[in-house]
Amino acid sequence: MSRISLTVHPSDNVSTLLDFQTDEKTTRDGLVLKASIPFGHKVARHDIAQGHAVIKYGVAIGKATTTIQAGEHVHVHNCC
């Protein structure tokens, strides 16, 4: 079974994971996860270059402090 993710706006470059199946590595829309990501946390939908905006709800919610690859966990370790 695949992970459930929510992408709110077409310009979002992150999705929020909405289940506890951390052993699953693919979302229902086909995004391959690079790590176990907890419920409620964000995953990069596309590569996000260092210094570029992290976009959720169609607005910038932070900036990538390092390059984030598609499928990677987006959290305080790589976003401010």
PDB file of N, CA and C in Angstrom:
ATOM      1  N   MET A   1       0.841  -1.187   0.000  1.00  0.00           N
ATOM      2  CA  MET A   1       0.000   0.000   0.000  1.00  0.00           C
ATOM      3  C   MET A   1       0.883   1.246   0.000  1.00  0.00           C
ATOM      4  N   SER A   2       0.493   2.274  -0.696  1.00  0.00           N
ATOM      5  CA  SER A   2       1.272   3.498  -0.832  1.00  0.00           C
ATOM      6  C   SER A   2       0.931   4.504   0.265  1.00  0.00           C
ATOM      7  N   ARG A   3       1.830   5.465   0.440  1.00  0.00           N
ATOM      8  CA  ARG A   3       1.622   6.539   1.409  1.00  0.00           C
ATOM      9  C   ARG A   3       0.604   7.532   0.884  1.00  0.00           C
ATOM     10  N   ILE A   4      -0.132   8.149   1.785  1.00  0.00           N
ATOM     11  CA  ILE A   4      -1.089   9.194   1.436  1.00  0.00           C
ATOM     12  C   ILE A   4      -0.394  10.532   1.623  1.00  0.00           C
ATOM     13  N   SER A   5      -0.408  11.360   0.573  1.00  0.00           N
ATOM     14  CA  SER A   5       0.191  12.687   0.676  1.00  0.00           C
ATOM     15  C   SER A   5      -0.805  13.722   0.188  1.00  0.00           C
ATOM     16  N   LEU A   6      -0.662  14.939   0.687  1.00  0.00           N
ATOM     17  CA  LEU A   6      -1.550  16.037   0.327  1.00  0.00           C
ATOM     18  C   LEU A   6      -0.733  17.174  -0.265  1.00  0.00           C
ATOM     19  N   THR A   7      -1.080  17.555  -1.469  1.00  0.00           N
ATOM     20  CA  THR A   7      -0.516  18.740  -2.116  1.00  0.00           C
ATOM     21  C   THR A   7      -1.678  19.700  -2.311  1.00  0.00           C
ATOM     22  N   VAL A   8      -1.584  20.888  -1.741  1.00  0.00           N
ATOM     23  CA  VAL A   8      -2.719  21.801  -1.706  1.00  0.00           C
ATOM     24  C   VAL A   8      -2.833  22.663  -2.952  1.00  0.00           C
ATOM     25  N   HIS A   9      -1.713  23.155  -3.454  1.00  0.00           N
ATOM     26  CA  HIS A   9      -1.722  24.128  -4.551  1.00  0.00           C
ATOM     27  C   HIS A   9      -0.838  23.620  -5.687  1.00  0.00           C
ATOM     28  N   PRO A  10      -1.197  23.909  -6.938  1.00  0.00           N
ATOM     29  CA  PRO A  10      -0.388  23.422  -8.061  1.00  0.00           C
ATOM     30  C   PRO A  10       1.073  23.888  -8.063  1.00  0.00           C
ATOM     31  N   SER A  11       1.364  25.006  -7.416  1.00  0.00           N
ATOM     32  CA  SER A  11       2.749  25.494  -7.395  1.00  0.00           C
ATOM     33  C   SER A  11       3.552  24.963  -6.208  1.00  0.00           C
ATOM     34  N   ASP A  12       2.940  24.160  -5.340  1.00  0.00           N
ATOM     35  CA  ASP A  12       3.651  23.600  -4.181  1.00  0.00           C
ATOM     36  C   ASP A  12       4.790  22.701  -4.639  1.00  0.00           C
ATOM     37  N   ASN A  13       5.944  22.833  -3.967  1.00  0.00           N
ATOM     38  CA  ASN A  13       7.052  21.918  -4.254  1.00  0.00           C
ATOM     39  C   ASN A  13       7.262  20.926  -3.107  1.00  0.00           C
ATOM     40  N   VAL A  14       6.326  20.921  -2.158  1.00  0.00           N
ATOM     41  CA  VAL A  14       6.315  19.930  -1.077  1.00  0.00           C
ATOM     42  C   VAL A  14       4.900  19.376  -0.923  1.00  0.00           C
ATOM     43  N   SER A  15       4.821  18.169  -0.374  1.00  0.00           N
ATOM     44  CA  SER A  15       3.555  17.550   0.011  1.00  0.00           C
ATOM     45  C   SER A  15       3.665  17.163   1.475  1.00  0.00           C
ATOM     46  N   THR A  16       2.520  17.037   2.138  1.00  0.00           N
ATOM     47  CA  THR A  16       2.473  16.602   3.524  1.00  0.00           C
ATOM     48  C   THR A  16       2.022  15.151   3.566  1.00  0.00           C
ATOM     49  N   LEU A  17       2.731  14.326   4.328  1.00  0.00           N
ATOM     50  CA  LEU A  17       2.383  12.910   4.462  1.00  0.00           C
ATOM     51  C   LEU A  17       1.313  12.742   5.536  1.00  0.00           C
ATOM     52  N   LEU A  18       0.260  11.989   5.203  1.00  0.00           N
ATOM     53  CA  LEU A  18      -0.920  11.905   6.065  1.00  0.00           C
ATOM     54  C   LEU A  18      -1.209  10.506   6.589  1.00  0.00           C
ATOM     55  N   ASP A  19      -0.175   9.705   6.770  1.00  0.00           N
ATOM     56  CA  ASP A  19      -0.364   8.379   7.351  1.00  0.00           C
ATOM     57  C   ASP A  19       0.870   7.999   8.158  1.00  0.00           C
ATOM     58  N   PHE A  20       0.775   6.875   8.834  1.00  0.00           N
ATOM     59  CA  PHE A  20       1.857   6.408   9.709  1.00  0.00           C
ATOM     60  C   PHE A  20       2.658   5.258   9.105  1.00  0.00           C
ATOM     61  N   GLN A  21       2.530   5.031   7.816  1.00  0.00           N
ATOM     62  CA  GLN A  21       3.184   3.894   7.155  1.00  0.00           C
ATOM     63  C   GLN A  21       4.624   4.237   6.768  1.00  0.00           C
ATOM     64  N   THR A  22       5.457   4.500   7.741  1.00  0.00           N
ATOM     65  CA  THR A  22       6.821   4.957   7.471  1.00  0.00           C
ATOM     66  C   THR A  22       7.686   3.918   6.765  1.00  0.00           C
ATOM     67  N   ASP A  23       7.242   2.666   6.747  1.00  0.00           N
ATOM     68  CA  ASP A  23       8.004   1.637   6.030  1.00  0.00           C
ATOM     69  C   ASP A  23       7.737   1.681   4.529  1.00  0.00           C
ATOM     70  N   GLU A  24       6.655   2.321   4.100  1.00  0.00           N
ATOM     71  CA  GLU A  24       6.341   2.462   2.673  1.00  0.00           C
ATOM     72  C   GLU A  24       7.199   3.563   2.068  1.00  0.00           C
ATOM     73  N   LYS A  25       7.677   3.354   0.853  1.00  0.00           N
ATOM     74  CA  LYS A  25       8.602   4.301   0.222  1.00  0.00           C
ATOM     75  C   LYS A  25       8.038   4.976  -1.024  1.00  0.00           C
ATOM     76  N   THR A  26       6.739   4.825  -1.294  1.00  0.00           N
ATOM     77  CA  THR A  26       6.132   5.455  -2.461  1.00  0.00           C
ATOM     78  C   THR A  26       4.795   6.061  -2.058  1.00  0.00           C
ATOM     79  N   THR A  27       4.507   7.256  -2.579  1.00  0.00           N
ATOM     80  CA  THR A  27       3.199   7.867  -2.338  1.00  0.00           C
ATOM     81  C   THR A  27       2.221   7.387  -3.398  1.00  0.00           C
ATOM     82  N   ARG A  28       0.952   7.604  -3.175  1.00  0.00           N
ATOM     83  CA  ARG A  28      -0.076   7.159  -4.123  1.00  0.00           C
ATOM     84  C   ARG A  28       0.061   7.814  -5.487  1.00  0.00           C
ATOM     85  N   ASP A  29       0.686   9.006  -5.529  1.00  0.00           N
ATOM     86  CA  ASP A  29       0.882   9.669  -6.834  1.00  0.00           C
ATOM     87  C   ASP A  29       2.239   9.328  -7.452  1.00  0.00           C
ATOM     88  N   GLY A  30       2.955   8.350  -6.877  1.00  0.00           N
ATOM     89  CA  GLY A  30       4.171   7.825  -7.493  1.00  0.00           C
ATOM     90  C   GLY A  30       5.484   8.436  -7.046  1.00  0.00           C
ATOM     91  N   LEU A  31       5.472   9.357  -6.098  1.00  0.00           N
ATOM     92  CA  LEU A  31       6.711   9.948  -5.600  1.00  0.00           C
ATOM     93  C   LEU A  31       7.455   8.926  -4.748  1.00  0.00           C
ATOM     94  N   VAL A  32       8.729   8.711  -5.051  1.00  0.00           N
ATOM     95  CA  VAL A  32       9.546   7.761  -4.295  1.00  0.00           C
ATOM     96  C   VAL A  32      10.232   8.509  -3.154  1.00  0.00           C
ATOM     97  N   LEU A  33      10.002   8.033  -1.922  1.00  0.00           N
ATOM     98  CA  LEU A  33      10.578   8.658  -0.730  1.00  0.00           C
ATOM     99  C   LEU A  33      11.984   8.129  -0.495  1.00  0.00           C
ATOM    100  N   LYS A  34      12.898   9.012  -0.109  1.00  0.00           N
ATOM    101  CA  LYS A  34      14.293   8.630   0.109  1.00  0.00           C
ATOM    102  C   LYS A  34      14.563   8.212   1.547  1.00  0.00           C
ATOM    103  N   ALA A  35      13.569   8.364   2.437  1.00  0.00           N
ATOM    104  CA  ALA A  35      13.754   8.036   3.856  1.00  0.00           C
ATOM    105  C   ALA A  35      12.387   7.784   4.476  1.00  0.00           C
ATOM    106  N   SER A  36      12.397   7.297   5.708  1.00  0.00           N
ATOM    107  CA  SER A  36      11.153   7.181   6.473  1.00  0.00           C
ATOM    108  C   SER A  36      10.789   8.575   6.952  1.00  0.00           C
ATOM    109  N   ILE A  37       9.615   9.032   6.587  1.00  0.00           N
ATOM    110  CA  ILE A  37       9.182  10.383   6.939  1.00  0.00           C
ATOM    111  C   ILE A  37       7.924  10.270   7.794  1.00  0.00           C
ATOM    112  N   PRO A  38       7.913  10.904   8.968  1.00  0.00           N
ATOM    113  CA  PRO A  38       6.775  10.770   9.883  1.00  0.00           C
ATOM    114  C   PRO A  38       5.495  11.437   9.371  1.00  0.00           C
ATOM    115  N   PHE A  39       4.384  11.015   9.953  1.00  0.00           N
ATOM    116  CA  PHE A  39       3.078  11.624   9.707  1.00  0.00           C
ATOM    117  C   PHE A  39       3.158  13.136   9.907  1.00  0.00           C
ATOM    118  N   GLY A  40       2.554  13.885   9.002  1.00  0.00           N
ATOM    119  CA  GLY A  40       2.466  15.334   9.141  1.00  0.00           C
ATOM    120  C   GLY A  40       3.680  16.095   8.663  1.00  0.00           C
ATOM    121  N   HIS A  41       4.741  15.392   8.279  1.00  0.00           N
ATOM    122  CA  HIS A  41       5.949  16.064   7.807  1.00  0.00           C
ATOM    123  C   HIS A  41       5.907  16.220   6.290  1.00  0.00           C
ATOM    124  N   LYS A  42       6.769  17.086   5.798  1.00  0.00           N
ATOM    125  CA  LYS A  42       6.796  17.419   4.374  1.00  0.00           C
ATOM    126  C   LYS A  42       7.847  16.603   3.623  1.00  0.00           C
ATOM    127  N   VAL A  43       7.544  16.369   2.343  1.00  0.00           N
ATOM    128  CA  VAL A  43       8.461  15.715   1.421  1.00  0.00           C
ATOM    129  C   VAL A  43       8.574  16.597   0.186  1.00  0.00           C
ATOM    130  N   ALA A  44       9.783  16.697  -0.357  1.00  0.00           N
ATOM    131  CA  ALA A  44       9.989  17.490  -1.573  1.00  0.00           C
ATOM    132  C   ALA A  44       9.393  16.759  -2.768  1.00  0.00           C
ATOM    133  N   ARG A  45       8.564  17.446  -3.537  1.00  0.00           N
ATOM    134  CA  ARG A  45       7.961  16.869  -4.735  1.00  0.00           C
ATOM    135  C   ARG A  45       8.915  16.952  -5.919  1.00  0.00           C
ATOM    136  N   HIS A  46       9.769  17.962  -5.906  1.00  0.00           N
ATOM    137  CA  HIS A  46      10.744  18.209  -6.968  1.00  0.00           C
ATOM    138  C   HIS A  46      12.041  18.616  -6.283  1.00  0.00           C
ATOM    139  N   ASP A  47      13.139  18.610  -7.004  1.00  0.00           N
ATOM    140  CA  ASP A  47      14.388  19.127  -6.446  1.00  0.00           C
ATOM    141  C   ASP A  47      14.198  20.601  -6.106  1.00  0.00           C
ATOM    142  N   ILE A  48      14.728  20.997  -4.955  1.00  0.00           N
ATOM    143  CA  ILE A  48      14.680  22.395  -4.515  1.00  0.00           C
ATOM    144  C   ILE A  48      16.118  22.831  -4.293  1.00  0.00           C
ATOM    145  N   ALA A  49      16.581  23.783  -5.083  1.00  0.00           N
ATOM    146  CA  ALA A  49      17.969  24.244  -4.993  1.00  0.00           C
ATOM    147  C   ALA A  49      18.192  25.036  -3.707  1.00  0.00           C
ATOM    148  N   GLN A  50      19.421  24.966  -3.207  1.00  0.00           N
ATOM    149  CA  GLN A  50      19.791  25.734  -2.022  1.00  0.00           C
ATOM    150  C   GLN A  50      19.458  27.200  -2.251  1.00  0.00           C
ATOM    151  N   GLY A  51      18.815  27.817  -1.273  1.00  0.00           N
ATOM    152  CA  GLY A  51      18.444  29.221  -1.358  1.00  0.00           C
ATOM    153  C   GLY A  51      17.082  29.478  -1.983  1.00  0.00           C
ATOM    154  N   HIS A  52      16.484  28.467  -2.597  1.00  0.00           N
ATOM    155  CA  HIS A  52      15.173  28.636  -3.225  1.00  0.00           C
ATOM    156  C   HIS A  52      14.054  28.423  -2.214  1.00  0.00           C
ATOM    157  N   ALA A  53      12.887  28.940  -2.539  1.00  0.00           N
ATOM    158  CA  ALA A  53      11.737  28.879  -1.644  1.00  0.00           C
ATOM    159  C   ALA A  53      11.173  27.467  -1.545  1.00  0.00           C
ATOM    160  N   VAL A  54      10.744  27.137  -0.334  1.00  0.00           N
ATOM    161  CA  VAL A  54       9.934  25.944  -0.093  1.00  0.00           C
ATOM    162  C   VAL A  54       8.493  26.440  -0.137  1.00  0.00           C
ATOM    163  N   ILE A  55       7.694  25.874  -1.044  1.00  0.00           N
ATOM    164  CA  ILE A  55       6.350  26.402  -1.282  1.00  0.00           C
ATOM    165  C   ILE A  55       5.298  25.381  -0.858  1.00  0.00           C
ATOM    166  N   LYS A  56       4.408  25.843   0.028  1.00  0.00           N
ATOM    167  CA  LYS A  56       3.272  25.041   0.500  1.00  0.00           C
ATOM    168  C   LYS A  56       2.077  25.975   0.563  1.00  0.00           C
ATOM    169  N   TYR A  57       0.908  25.490   0.234  1.00  0.00           N
ATOM    170  CA  TYR A  57      -0.305  26.319   0.167  1.00  0.00           C
ATOM    171  C   TYR A  57      -0.182  27.425  -0.874  1.00  0.00           C
ATOM    172  N   GLY A  58       0.741  27.276  -1.824  1.00  0.00           N
ATOM    173  CA  GLY A  58       0.934  28.283  -2.854  1.00  0.00           C
ATOM    174  C   GLY A  58       1.769  29.478  -2.418  1.00  0.00           C
ATOM    175  N   VAL A  59       2.334  29.424  -1.214  1.00  0.00           N
ATOM    176  CA  VAL A  59       3.169  30.527  -0.709  1.00  0.00           C
ATOM    177  C   VAL A  59       4.486  29.981  -0.164  1.00  0.00           C
ATOM    178  N   ALA A  60       5.494  30.824  -0.154  1.00  0.00           N
ATOM    179  CA  ALA A  60       6.799  30.434   0.401  1.00  0.00           C
ATOM    180  C   ALA A  60       6.676  30.329   1.918  1.00  0.00           C
ATOM    181  N   ILE A  61       7.056  29.166   2.452  1.00  0.00           N
ATOM    182  CA  ILE A  61       7.017  28.964   3.909  1.00  0.00           C
ATOM    183  C   ILE A  61       8.422  28.874   4.489  1.00  0.00           C
ATOM    184  N   GLY A  62       9.425  28.940   3.636  1.00  0.00           N
ATOM    185  CA  GLY A  62      10.808  28.858   4.085  1.00  0.00           C
ATOM    186  C   GLY A  62      11.739  28.849   2.899  1.00  0.00           C
ATOM    187  N   LYS A  63      13.007  28.642   3.203  1.00  0.00           N
ATOM    188  CA  LYS A  63      14.047  28.626   2.175  1.00  0.00           C
ATOM    189  C   LYS A  63      14.928  27.406   2.408  1.00  0.00           C
ATOM    190  N   ALA A  64      15.299  26.740   1.334  1.00  0.00           N
ATOM    191  CA  ALA A  64      16.168  25.566   1.437  1.00  0.00           C
ATOM    192  C   ALA A  64      17.571  26.007   1.848  1.00  0.00           C
ATOM    193  N   THR A  65      18.085  25.429   2.926  1.00  0.00           N
ATOM    194  CA  THR A  65      19.435  25.758   3.394  1.00  0.00           C
ATOM    195  C   THR A  65      20.488  24.898   2.710  1.00  0.00           C
ATOM    196  N   THR A  66      20.052  23.884   1.986  1.00  0.00           N
ATOM    197  CA  THR A  66      20.890  22.999   1.200  1.00  0.00           C
ATOM    198  C   THR A  66      20.032  22.505   0.040  1.00  0.00           C
ATOM    199  N   THR A  67      20.623  21.936  -0.970  1.00  0.00           N
ATOM    200  CA  THR A  67      19.824  21.375  -2.054  1.00  0.00           C
ATOM    201  C   THR A  67      19.029  20.189  -1.513  1.00  0.00           C
ATOM    202  N   ILE A  68      17.733  20.166  -1.810  1.00  0.00           N
ATOM    203  CA  ILE A  68      16.835  19.099  -1.357  1.00  0.00           C
ATOM    204  C   ILE A  68      16.366  18.350  -2.598  1.00  0.00           C
ATOM    205  N   GLN A  69      16.601  17.055  -2.617  1.00  0.00           N
ATOM    206  CA  GLN A  69      16.202  16.243  -3.764  1.00  0.00           C
ATOM    207  C   GLN A  69      14.739  15.809  -3.634  1.00  0.00           C
ATOM    208  N   ALA A  70      14.106  15.565  -4.774  1.00  0.00           N
ATOM    209  CA  ALA A  70      12.741  15.037  -4.781  1.00  0.00           C
ATOM    210  C   ALA A  70      12.699  13.769  -3.938  1.00  0.00           C
ATOM    211  N   GLY A  71      11.707  13.659  -3.067  1.00  0.00           N
ATOM    212  CA  GLY A  71      11.560  12.492  -2.201  1.00  0.00           C
ATOM    213  C   GLY A  71      12.217  12.632  -0.844  1.00  0.00           C
ATOM    214  N   GLU A  72      12.961  13.713  -0.633  1.00  0.00           N
ATOM    215  CA  GLU A  72      13.624  13.917   0.658  1.00  0.00           C
ATOM    216  C   GLU A  72      12.696  14.603   1.659  1.00  0.00           C
ATOM    217  N   HIS A  73      12.943  14.309   2.923  1.00  0.00           N
ATOM    218  CA  HIS A  73      12.254  14.927   4.046  1.00  0.00           C
ATOM    219  C   HIS A  73      12.618  16.421   4.062  1.00  0.00           C
ATOM    220  N   VAL A  74      11.610  17.275   4.196  1.00  0.00           N
ATOM    221  CA  VAL A  74      11.838  18.722   4.296  1.00  0.00           C
ATOM    222  C   VAL A  74      11.446  19.125   5.719  1.00  0.00           C
ATOM    223  N   HIS A  75      12.436  19.585   6.479  1.00  0.00           N
ATOM    224  CA  HIS A  75      12.212  19.923   7.884  1.00  0.00           C
ATOM    225  C   HIS A  75      13.317  20.896   8.313  1.00  0.00           C
ATOM    226  N   VAL A  76      13.461  21.109   9.609  1.00  0.00           N
ATOM    227  CA  VAL A  76      14.401  22.117  10.116  1.00  0.00           C
ATOM    228  C   VAL A  76      15.860  21.834   9.760  1.00  0.00           C
ATOM    229  N   HIS A  77      16.214  20.610   9.416  1.00  0.00           N
ATOM    230  CA  HIS A  77      17.600  20.277   9.073  1.00  0.00           C
ATOM    231  C   HIS A  77      17.992  20.788   7.687  1.00  0.00           C
ATOM    232  N   ASN A  78      17.025  21.142   6.839  1.00  0.00           N
ATOM    233  CA  ASN A  78      17.352  21.619   5.490  1.00  0.00           C
ATOM    234  C   ASN A  78      16.474  22.776   5.007  1.00  0.00           C
ATOM    235  N   CYS A  79      15.768  23.398   5.938  1.00  0.00           N
ATOM    236  CA  CYS A  79      14.862  24.494   5.594  1.00  0.00           C
ATOM    237  C   CYS A  79      14.798  25.475   6.770  1.00  0.00           C
ATOM    238  N   CYS A  80      14.799  26.754   6.452  1.00  0.00           N
ATOM    239  CA  CYS A  80      14.637  27.761   7.521  1.00  0.00           C
ATOM    240  C   CYS A  80      13.569  28.745   7.156  1.00  0.00           C
TER     241      CYS A  80
END
